[in-house]
Amino acid sequence: MAAERMSSLPFSPVRPKRRTSDKLIFISCEGSVTEWEYFEKIINMVFANIGSKVKVINVLEDALKKNDKNRTLEETRQVSSCSPKNLLDKMNAYKSEHKEEYNFEEHNQDEFWLIMDVDDHTDQTIVDSEGKSNLEKWNAVLNECNENNYQYAVSNPFFELWLLLHFDDVNEEDYRYAVNSSHSYVPTDHYKNRLSELKVALKKNKHINKAHYKKYDKKAINNAIVRAENLDSSPKCNYPTDLGTTVYRLLKSIKEIDDQYEDN
């Protein structure tokens, strides 16, 4: 077994010397700033006990560290158009580059998560220049995830729904924008407007307002988990085929490790 490493950095996972959980969790987020900021903040602020157990990998981390006005046009384009395949490739590359550092082969309990939105990724009428539909590419990503034992947390229609569930139940209007067999994806500010009404508005550029970080506390996260689980279908689906989000599954996994630390 590889020697255990010690680090004080919040995003440098380490396997603890004490026998609580040896599991590490790796999260690959889309380019959107919202997901990246959310996980960065809750790991630092809410689950600080296990900050060394969770690594957030961003496809466009270098670009996202820059202020919006300092990004190149290409970086701005990429931040707003990251694909599920990008997330998968990033996770594959990260795991390959760090396999000796984290000794993955001897730690089968480690979890690898892709955070994705349904958006228009399941639309079979959208076809690229090579003749592949969005649905074909989506299914190819999910199949490779399954082959690699990666998990995925998917929001339908997008991640703002997960944020909303921290503070409110869904209503009939929320369902109007879900992607399902009778309704294709359409861009909307509906969920951002709902967050504004609840006084936890996102900034215009989708950043989470710093003044609202503290509102995403354990109580709010627990509420979101309960609400999202209630929205999940029975039997549980791979990803929501109507309004819903499986991000709660990842948070339950994070909480499970955190609970072990609180009990010690």
C-alpha atoms as a PDB file:
ATOM      1  CA  MET A   1       0.000   0.000   0.000  1.00  0.00           C
ATOM      2  CA  ALA A   2       1.231   3.480  -0.836  1.00  0.00           C
ATOM      3  CA  ALA A   3       2.474   5.626   2.022  1.00  0.00           C
ATOM      4  CA  GLU A   4      -0.167   7.872   3.539  1.00  0.00           C
ATOM      5  CA  ARG A   5       0.145  11.559   2.770  1.00  0.00           C
ATOM      6  CA  MET A   6      -0.563  14.494   5.018  1.00  0.00           C
ATOM      7  CA  SER A   7      -1.776  17.879   3.774  1.00  0.00           C
ATOM      8  CA  SER A   8      -3.557  20.926   5.137  1.00  0.00           C
ATOM      9  CA  LEU A   9      -4.932  21.923   1.739  1.00  0.00           C
ATOM     10  CA  PRO A  10      -8.734  21.566   1.502  1.00  0.00           C
ATOM     11  CA  PHE A  11      -8.686  20.073  -2.008  1.00  0.00           C
ATOM     12  CA  SER A  12      -5.789  17.626  -1.628  1.00  0.00           C
ATOM     13  CA  PRO A  13      -7.461  14.374  -0.605  1.00  0.00           C
ATOM     14  CA  VAL A  14      -5.674  12.259   1.988  1.00  0.00           C
ATOM     15  CA  ARG A  15      -6.429   8.880   3.462  1.00  0.00           C
ATOM     16  CA  PRO A  16      -6.679   9.305   7.253  1.00  0.00           C
ATOM     17  CA  LYS A  17      -4.514   7.383   9.651  1.00  0.00           C
ATOM     18  CA  ARG A  18      -7.485   6.876  11.927  1.00  0.00           C
ATOM     19  CA  ARG A  19      -9.907   4.220  10.748  1.00  0.00           C
ATOM     20  CA  THR A  20     -13.026   6.164   9.958  1.00  0.00           C
ATOM     21  CA  SER A  21     -13.355   6.043   6.191  1.00  0.00           C
ATOM     22  CA  ASP A  22     -10.603   5.471   3.678  1.00  0.00           C
ATOM     23  CA  LYS A  23     -12.866   6.611   0.868  1.00  0.00           C
ATOM     24  CA  LEU A  24     -12.023   9.613  -1.296  1.00  0.00           C
ATOM     25  CA  ILE A  25     -14.582  11.355  -3.511  1.00  0.00           C
ATOM     26  CA  PHE A  26     -13.648  12.989  -6.807  1.00  0.00           C
ATOM     27  CA  ILE A  27     -16.111  15.337  -8.524  1.00  0.00           C
ATOM     28  CA  SER A  28     -15.922  16.513 -12.136  1.00  0.00           C
ATOM     29  CA  CYS A  29     -18.052  19.638 -12.673  1.00  0.00           C
ATOM     30  CA  GLU A  30     -19.279  21.311 -15.822  1.00  0.00           C
ATOM     31  CA  GLY A  31     -17.767  24.603 -16.901  1.00  0.00           C
ATOM     32  CA  SER A  32     -20.560  26.620 -15.349  1.00  0.00           C
ATOM     33  CA  VAL A  33     -19.330  28.618 -12.379  1.00  0.00           C
ATOM     34  CA  THR A  34     -22.340  27.710 -10.246  1.00  0.00           C
ATOM     35  CA  GLU A  35     -21.554  24.030  -9.721  1.00  0.00           C
ATOM     36  CA  TRP A  36     -17.887  24.647  -9.085  1.00  0.00           C
ATOM     37  CA  GLU A  37     -18.551  27.398  -6.530  1.00  0.00           C
ATOM     38  CA  TYR A  38     -21.263  25.401  -4.783  1.00  0.00           C
ATOM     39  CA  PHE A  39     -19.100  22.365  -4.143  1.00  0.00           C
ATOM     40  CA  GLU A  40     -16.028  24.423  -3.336  1.00  0.00           C
ATOM     41  CA  LYS A  41     -17.920  26.412  -0.708  1.00  0.00           C
ATOM     42  CA  ILE A  42     -19.876  23.634   0.959  1.00  0.00           C
ATOM     43  CA  ILE A  43     -16.780  21.446   1.254  1.00  0.00           C
ATOM     44  CA  ASN A  44     -14.842  24.330   2.799  1.00  0.00           C
ATOM     45  CA  MET A  45     -17.623  25.702   4.998  1.00  0.00           C
ATOM     46  CA  VAL A  46     -20.125  22.928   5.776  1.00  0.00           C
ATOM     47  CA  PHE A  47     -18.020  19.783   5.528  1.00  0.00           C
ATOM     48  CA  ALA A  48     -14.696  21.214   6.624  1.00  0.00           C
ATOM     49  CA  ASN A  49     -14.028  18.071   8.686  1.00  0.00           C
ATOM     50  CA  ILE A  50     -13.623  16.127   5.478  1.00  0.00           C
ATOM     51  CA  GLY A  51     -12.186  18.826   3.245  1.00  0.00           C
ATOM     52  CA  SER A  52      -9.222  16.561   2.601  1.00  0.00           C
ATOM     53  CA  LYS A  53     -11.510  13.757   1.423  1.00  0.00           C
ATOM     54  CA  VAL A  54     -13.153  15.454  -1.538  1.00  0.00           C
ATOM     55  CA  LYS A  55     -11.518  16.738  -4.699  1.00  0.00           C
ATOM     56  CA  VAL A  56     -13.436  18.986  -7.097  1.00  0.00           C
ATOM     57  CA  ILE A  57     -12.040  18.700 -10.612  1.00  0.00           C
ATOM     58  CA  ASN A  58     -13.139  21.357 -13.074  1.00  0.00           C
ATOM     59  CA  VAL A  59     -12.798  21.035 -16.818  1.00  0.00           C
ATOM     60  CA  LEU A  60     -11.980  24.727 -17.033  1.00  0.00           C
ATOM     61  CA  GLU A  61     -10.443  25.401 -13.643  1.00  0.00           C
ATOM     62  CA  ASP A  62      -7.811  27.841 -14.933  1.00  0.00           C
ATOM     63  CA  ALA A  63     -10.400  29.901 -16.807  1.00  0.00           C
ATOM     64  CA  LEU A  64     -12.808  29.917 -13.869  1.00  0.00           C
ATOM     65  CA  LYS A  65     -10.152  31.260 -11.530  1.00  0.00           C
ATOM     66  CA  LYS A  66     -10.038  34.393 -13.647  1.00  0.00           C
ATOM     67  CA  ASN A  67     -12.489  37.252 -13.295  1.00  0.00           C
ATOM     68  CA  ASP A  68     -15.045  37.191 -16.113  1.00  0.00           C
ATOM     69  CA  LYS A  69     -13.578  40.316 -17.721  1.00  0.00           C
ATOM     70  CA  ASN A  70     -10.083  38.795 -17.802  1.00  0.00           C
ATOM     71  CA  ARG A  71     -11.057  35.663 -19.743  1.00  0.00           C
ATOM     72  CA  THR A  72     -10.273  35.323 -23.402  1.00  0.00           C
ATOM     73  CA  LEU A  73     -13.164  34.952 -25.842  1.00  0.00           C
ATOM     74  CA  GLU A  74     -12.336  31.257 -26.177  1.00  0.00           C
ATOM     75  CA  GLU A  75     -12.343  30.771 -22.399  1.00  0.00           C
ATOM     76  CA  THR A  76     -15.690  32.575 -22.137  1.00  0.00           C
ATOM     77  CA  ARG A  77     -17.139  30.332 -24.858  1.00  0.00           C
ATOM     78  CA  GLN A  78     -15.842  27.174 -23.214  1.00  0.00           C
ATOM     79  CA  VAL A  79     -17.156  28.118 -19.759  1.00  0.00           C
ATOM     80  CA  SER A  80     -20.679  28.356 -21.142  1.00  0.00           C
ATOM     81  CA  SER A  81     -20.578  25.264 -23.379  1.00  0.00           C
ATOM     82  CA  CYS A  82     -18.913  22.417 -21.517  1.00  0.00           C
ATOM     83  CA  SER A  83     -20.182  18.989 -22.591  1.00  0.00           C
ATOM     84  CA  PRO A  84     -20.655  15.711 -20.672  1.00  0.00           C
ATOM     85  CA  LYS A  85     -17.872  14.209 -22.799  1.00  0.00           C
ATOM     86  CA  ASN A  86     -15.511  16.948 -21.537  1.00  0.00           C
ATOM     87  CA  LEU A  87     -16.323  15.952 -17.949  1.00  0.00           C
ATOM     88  CA  LEU A  88     -15.716  12.302 -18.663  1.00  0.00           C
ATOM     89  CA  ASP A  89     -12.424  12.976 -20.439  1.00  0.00           C
ATOM     90  CA  LYS A  90     -11.286  15.206 -17.577  1.00  0.00           C
ATOM     91  CA  MET A  91     -12.050  12.531 -15.004  1.00  0.00           C
ATOM     92  CA  ASN A  92     -10.312   9.846 -17.051  1.00  0.00           C
ATOM     93  CA  ALA A  93      -7.234  12.041 -17.457  1.00  0.00           C
ATOM     94  CA  TYR A  94      -7.156  12.993 -13.773  1.00  0.00           C
ATOM     95  CA  LYS A  95      -7.462   9.384 -12.642  1.00  0.00           C
ATOM     96  CA  SER A  96      -4.690   8.305 -15.011  1.00  0.00           C
ATOM     97  CA  GLU A  97      -2.349  11.137 -14.001  1.00  0.00           C
ATOM     98  CA  HIS A  98      -2.840  10.520 -10.253  1.00  0.00           C
ATOM     99  CA  LYS A  99      -3.182   6.739 -10.088  1.00  0.00           C
ATOM    100  CA  GLU A 100       0.105   6.265  -8.232  1.00  0.00           C
ATOM    101  CA  GLU A 101      -0.444   9.245  -5.941  1.00  0.00           C
ATOM    102  CA  TYR A 102      -3.820   7.937  -4.727  1.00  0.00           C
ATOM    103  CA  ASN A 103      -3.187   4.229  -5.321  1.00  0.00           C
ATOM    104  CA  PHE A 104      -6.651   3.763  -6.818  1.00  0.00           C
ATOM    105  CA  GLU A 105      -6.184   0.065  -7.525  1.00  0.00           C
ATOM    106  CA  GLU A 106      -6.047  -0.729  -3.806  1.00  0.00           C
ATOM    107  CA  HIS A 107      -8.969   1.557  -2.896  1.00  0.00           C
ATOM    108  CA  ASN A 108     -12.037   0.310  -4.736  1.00  0.00           C
ATOM    109  CA  GLN A 109     -14.295   2.250  -2.388  1.00  0.00           C
ATOM    110  CA  ASP A 110     -13.273   5.614  -3.904  1.00  0.00           C
ATOM    111  CA  GLU A 111     -16.071   7.403  -5.757  1.00  0.00           C
ATOM    112  CA  PHE A 112     -15.866   9.322  -9.017  1.00  0.00           C
ATOM    113  CA  TRP A 113     -18.776  11.625  -9.833  1.00  0.00           C
ATOM    114  CA  LEU A 114     -19.741  13.629 -12.917  1.00  0.00           C
ATOM    115  CA  ILE A 115     -22.083  16.576 -12.285  1.00  0.00           C
ATOM    116  CA  MET A 116     -24.246  17.107 -15.349  1.00  0.00           C
ATOM    117  CA  ASP A 117     -27.428  18.809 -16.506  1.00  0.00           C
ATOM    118  CA  VAL A 118     -29.930  17.266 -18.896  1.00  0.00           C
ATOM    119  CA  ASP A 119     -30.182  20.515 -20.897  1.00  0.00           C
ATOM    120  CA  ASP A 120     -30.532  19.445 -24.539  1.00  0.00           C
ATOM    121  CA  HIS A 121     -28.148  16.494 -24.173  1.00  0.00           C
ATOM    122  CA  THR A 122     -30.964  13.941 -24.589  1.00  0.00           C
ATOM    123  CA  ASP A 123     -32.350  15.556 -27.746  1.00  0.00           C
ATOM    124  CA  GLN A 124     -32.037  13.097 -30.626  1.00  0.00           C
ATOM    125  CA  THR A 125     -33.047  15.733 -33.188  1.00  0.00           C
ATOM    126  CA  ILE A 126     -29.840  17.730 -32.635  1.00  0.00           C
ATOM    127  CA  VAL A 127     -27.117  16.179 -34.783  1.00  0.00           C
ATOM    128  CA  ASP A 128     -23.469  17.221 -35.116  1.00  0.00           C
ATOM    129  CA  SER A 129     -21.344  17.399 -38.261  1.00  0.00           C
ATOM    130  CA  GLU A 130     -20.426  13.721 -37.875  1.00  0.00           C
ATOM    131  CA  GLY A 131     -24.067  12.644 -37.824  1.00  0.00           C
ATOM    132  CA  LYS A 132     -24.175  11.869 -34.087  1.00  0.00           C
ATOM    133  CA  SER A 133     -27.202  13.036 -32.161  1.00  0.00           C
ATOM    134  CA  ASN A 134     -27.010  14.577 -28.711  1.00  0.00           C
ATOM    135  CA  LEU A 135     -28.823  11.526 -27.331  1.00  0.00           C
ATOM    136  CA  GLU A 136     -26.272   9.151 -28.854  1.00  0.00           C
ATOM    137  CA  LYS A 137     -23.395  11.115 -27.343  1.00  0.00           C
ATOM    138  CA  TRP A 138     -25.187  11.299 -23.983  1.00  0.00           C
ATOM    139  CA  ASN A 139     -25.758   7.546 -23.881  1.00  0.00           C
ATOM    140  CA  ALA A 140     -22.139   6.938 -24.888  1.00  0.00           C
ATOM    141  CA  VAL A 141     -20.955   9.011 -21.911  1.00  0.00           C
ATOM    142  CA  LEU A 142     -23.266   7.190 -19.489  1.00  0.00           C
ATOM    143  CA  ASN A 143     -22.177   3.807 -20.844  1.00  0.00           C
ATOM    144  CA  GLU A 144     -18.504   4.669 -20.382  1.00  0.00           C
ATOM    145  CA  CYS A 145     -19.234   5.942 -16.872  1.00  0.00           C
ATOM    146  CA  ASN A 146     -20.821   2.603 -16.049  1.00  0.00           C
ATOM    147  CA  GLU A 147     -17.848   0.730 -17.520  1.00  0.00           C
ATOM    148  CA  ASN A 148     -15.404   2.838 -15.476  1.00  0.00           C
ATOM    149  CA  ASN A 149     -17.509   2.587 -12.309  1.00  0.00           C
ATOM    150  CA  TYR A 150     -18.117   6.328 -12.302  1.00  0.00           C
ATOM    151  CA  GLN A 151     -21.303   7.759 -10.840  1.00  0.00           C
ATOM    152  CA  TYR A 152     -23.198  10.736 -12.206  1.00  0.00           C
ATOM    153  CA  ALA A 153     -25.419  13.319 -10.562  1.00  0.00           C
ATOM    154  CA  VAL A 154     -27.828  14.765 -13.102  1.00  0.00           C
ATOM    155  CA  SER A 155     -30.251  17.662 -12.803  1.00  0.00           C
ATOM    156  CA  ASN A 156     -33.307  18.067 -15.014  1.00  0.00           C
ATOM    157  CA  PRO A 157     -33.371  20.620 -16.462  1.00  0.00           C
ATOM    158  CA  PHE A 158     -30.286  22.068 -14.732  1.00  0.00           C
ATOM    159  CA  PHE A 159     -28.336  22.610 -11.524  1.00  0.00           C
ATOM    160  CA  GLU A 160     -30.336  25.637 -10.320  1.00  0.00           C
ATOM    161  CA  LEU A 161     -33.099  23.192  -9.416  1.00  0.00           C
ATOM    162  CA  TRP A 162     -30.777  21.579  -6.859  1.00  0.00           C
ATOM    163  CA  LEU A 163     -30.076  25.002  -5.364  1.00  0.00           C
ATOM    164  CA  LEU A 164     -33.800  25.772  -5.232  1.00  0.00           C
ATOM    165  CA  LEU A 165     -34.509  22.595  -3.255  1.00  0.00           C
ATOM    166  CA  HIS A 166     -32.359  23.902  -0.400  1.00  0.00           C
ATOM    167  CA  PHE A 167     -35.016  26.539   0.244  1.00  0.00           C
ATOM    168  CA  ASP A 168     -38.378  25.476  -1.168  1.00  0.00           C
ATOM    169  CA  ASP A 169     -40.508  22.654  -2.522  1.00  0.00           C
ATOM    170  CA  VAL A 170     -41.145  22.534  -6.239  1.00  0.00           C
ATOM    171  CA  ASN A 171     -44.438  23.900  -7.581  1.00  0.00           C
ATOM    172  CA  GLU A 172     -46.529  23.262 -10.686  1.00  0.00           C
ATOM    173  CA  GLU A 173     -44.766  26.033 -12.593  1.00  0.00           C
ATOM    174  CA  ASP A 174     -41.380  24.391 -11.980  1.00  0.00           C
ATOM    175  CA  TYR A 175     -42.547  21.284 -13.832  1.00  0.00           C
ATOM    176  CA  ARG A 176     -43.272  23.261 -17.005  1.00  0.00           C
ATOM    177  CA  TYR A 177     -39.554  23.528 -17.791  1.00  0.00           C
ATOM    178  CA  ALA A 178     -38.563  19.916 -17.192  1.00  0.00           C
ATOM    179  CA  VAL A 179     -37.192  17.903 -20.106  1.00  0.00           C
ATOM    180  CA  ASN A 180     -39.389  14.863 -20.711  1.00  0.00           C
ATOM    181  CA  SER A 181     -40.999  12.824 -23.473  1.00  0.00           C
ATOM    182  CA  SER A 182     -43.440  15.619 -24.288  1.00  0.00           C
ATOM    183  CA  HIS A 183     -41.311  18.687 -23.621  1.00  0.00           C
ATOM    184  CA  SER A 184     -37.911  19.487 -25.127  1.00  0.00           C
ATOM    185  CA  TYR A 185     -35.304  21.602 -23.387  1.00  0.00           C
ATOM    186  CA  VAL A 186     -35.793  25.364 -23.557  1.00  0.00           C
ATOM    187  CA  PRO A 187     -33.460  27.919 -21.930  1.00  0.00           C
ATOM    188  CA  THR A 188     -35.161  29.694 -19.048  1.00  0.00           C
ATOM    189  CA  ASP A 189     -34.427  31.990 -16.122  1.00  0.00           C
ATOM    190  CA  HIS A 190     -37.337  30.496 -14.215  1.00  0.00           C
ATOM    191  CA  TYR A 191     -35.294  28.777 -11.503  1.00  0.00           C
ATOM    192  CA  LYS A 192     -32.981  31.752 -11.101  1.00  0.00           C
ATOM    193  CA  ASN A 193     -36.068  33.917 -10.663  1.00  0.00           C
ATOM    194  CA  ARG A 194     -37.386  31.501  -8.048  1.00  0.00           C
ATOM    195  CA  LEU A 195     -34.100  31.814  -6.163  1.00  0.00           C
ATOM    196  CA  SER A 196     -34.427  35.603  -6.346  1.00  0.00           C
ATOM    197  CA  GLU A 197     -37.911  35.434  -4.846  1.00  0.00           C
ATOM    198  CA  LEU A 198     -36.463  33.367  -1.998  1.00  0.00           C
ATOM    199  CA  LYS A 199     -33.795  36.048  -1.446  1.00  0.00           C
ATOM    200  CA  VAL A 200     -30.912  33.777  -2.483  1.00  0.00           C
ATOM    201  CA  ALA A 201     -30.468  35.171  -5.975  1.00  0.00           C
ATOM    202  CA  LEU A 202     -27.553  34.188  -8.162  1.00  0.00           C
ATOM    203  CA  LYS A 203     -25.543  36.961  -9.678  1.00  0.00           C
ATOM    204  CA  LYS A 204     -26.165  37.864 -13.310  1.00  0.00           C
ATOM    205  CA  ASN A 205     -23.156  35.803 -14.397  1.00  0.00           C
ATOM    206  CA  LYS A 206     -24.396  32.736 -12.417  1.00  0.00           C
ATOM    207  CA  HIS A 207     -21.950  33.222  -9.546  1.00  0.00           C
ATOM    208  CA  ILE A 208     -23.346  32.432  -6.110  1.00  0.00           C
ATOM    209  CA  ASN A 209     -23.603  35.632  -4.116  1.00  0.00           C
ATOM    210  CA  LYS A 210     -20.988  35.582  -1.354  1.00  0.00           C
ATOM    211  CA  ALA A 211     -23.571  36.947   1.070  1.00  0.00           C
ATOM    212  CA  HIS A 212     -25.603  33.771   0.567  1.00  0.00           C
ATOM    213  CA  TYR A 213     -22.886  31.165   1.108  1.00  0.00           C
ATOM    214  CA  LYS A 214     -23.824  30.711   4.761  1.00  0.00           C
ATOM    215  CA  LYS A 215     -27.429  29.910   3.781  1.00  0.00           C
ATOM    216  CA  TYR A 216     -26.263  26.654   2.229  1.00  0.00           C
ATOM    217  CA  ASP A 217     -25.788  25.097   5.646  1.00  0.00           C
ATOM    218  CA  LYS A 218     -26.359  21.529   6.830  1.00  0.00           C
ATOM    219  CA  LYS A 219     -30.031  22.113   7.496  1.00  0.00           C
ATOM    220  CA  ALA A 220     -30.590  23.489   3.990  1.00  0.00           C
ATOM    221  CA  ILE A 221     -28.585  20.641   2.454  1.00  0.00           C
ATOM    222  CA  ASN A 222     -30.594  18.059   4.404  1.00  0.00           C
ATOM    223  CA  ASN A 223     -33.809  19.708   3.179  1.00  0.00           C
ATOM    224  CA  ALA A 224     -32.554  19.565  -0.406  1.00  0.00           C
ATOM    225  CA  ILE A 225     -31.698  15.877  -0.043  1.00  0.00           C
ATOM    226  CA  VAL A 226     -35.176  15.033   1.263  1.00  0.00           C
ATOM    227  CA  ARG A 227     -36.926  17.053  -1.444  1.00  0.00           C
ATOM    228  CA  ALA A 228     -34.782  15.658  -4.258  1.00  0.00           C
ATOM    229  CA  GLU A 229     -35.212  12.088  -3.033  1.00  0.00           C
ATOM    230  CA  ASN A 230     -38.973  12.585  -2.985  1.00  0.00           C
ATOM    231  CA  LEU A 231     -38.809  13.707  -6.614  1.00  0.00           C
ATOM    232  CA  ASP A 232     -36.859  10.618  -7.646  1.00  0.00           C
ATOM    233  CA  SER A 233     -38.851   7.971  -9.446  1.00  0.00           C
ATOM    234  CA  SER A 234     -39.572   4.471  -8.223  1.00  0.00           C
ATOM    235  CA  PRO A 235     -37.663   2.389  -9.061  1.00  0.00           C
ATOM    236  CA  LYS A 236     -34.785   4.849  -8.930  1.00  0.00           C
ATOM    237  CA  CYS A 237     -33.707   5.988 -12.391  1.00  0.00           C
ATOM    238  CA  ASN A 238     -30.215   6.505 -13.801  1.00  0.00           C
ATOM    239  CA  TYR A 239     -31.056  10.156 -14.343  1.00  0.00           C
ATOM    240  CA  PRO A 240     -34.265  12.202 -14.024  1.00  0.00           C
ATOM    241  CA  THR A 241     -36.554  11.790 -17.026  1.00  0.00           C
ATOM    242  CA  ASP A 242     -38.758  14.551 -15.623  1.00  0.00           C
ATOM    243  CA  LEU A 243     -38.192  17.324 -13.113  1.00  0.00           C
ATOM    244  CA  GLY A 244     -35.605  16.219 -10.591  1.00  0.00           C
ATOM    245  CA  THR A 245     -31.977  15.981  -9.579  1.00  0.00           C
ATOM    246  CA  THR A 246     -29.815  13.108  -8.396  1.00  0.00           C
ATOM    247  CA  VAL A 247     -27.210  15.431  -6.868  1.00  0.00           C
ATOM    248  CA  TYR A 248     -28.718  14.350  -3.561  1.00  0.00           C
ATOM    249  CA  ARG A 249     -27.050  10.949  -3.996  1.00  0.00           C
ATOM    250  CA  LEU A 250     -23.615  12.553  -4.016  1.00  0.00           C
ATOM    251  CA  LEU A 251     -24.448  14.696  -0.979  1.00  0.00           C
ATOM    252  CA  LYS A 252     -25.618  11.615   0.915  1.00  0.00           C
ATOM    253  CA  SER A 253     -22.275   9.993   0.190  1.00  0.00           C
ATOM    254  CA  ILE A 254     -20.398  13.084   1.408  1.00  0.00           C
ATOM    255  CA  LYS A 255     -22.572  13.252   4.525  1.00  0.00           C
ATOM    256  CA  GLU A 256     -21.912   9.600   5.264  1.00  0.00           C
ATOM    257  CA  ILE A 257     -18.188  10.285   5.554  1.00  0.00           C
ATOM    258  CA  ASP A 258     -18.805  13.493   7.499  1.00  0.00           C
ATOM    259  CA  ASP A 259     -21.031  11.677   9.982  1.00  0.00           C
ATOM    260  CA  GLN A 260     -18.247   9.184  10.705  1.00  0.00           C
ATOM    261  CA  TYR A 261     -15.923  12.044  11.598  1.00  0.00           C
ATOM    262  CA  GLU A 262     -18.518  13.659  13.855  1.00  0.00           C
ATOM    263  CA  ASP A 263     -18.944  10.365  15.701  1.00  0.00           C
ATOM    264  CA  ASN A 264     -15.212  10.123  16.464  1.00  0.00           C
END
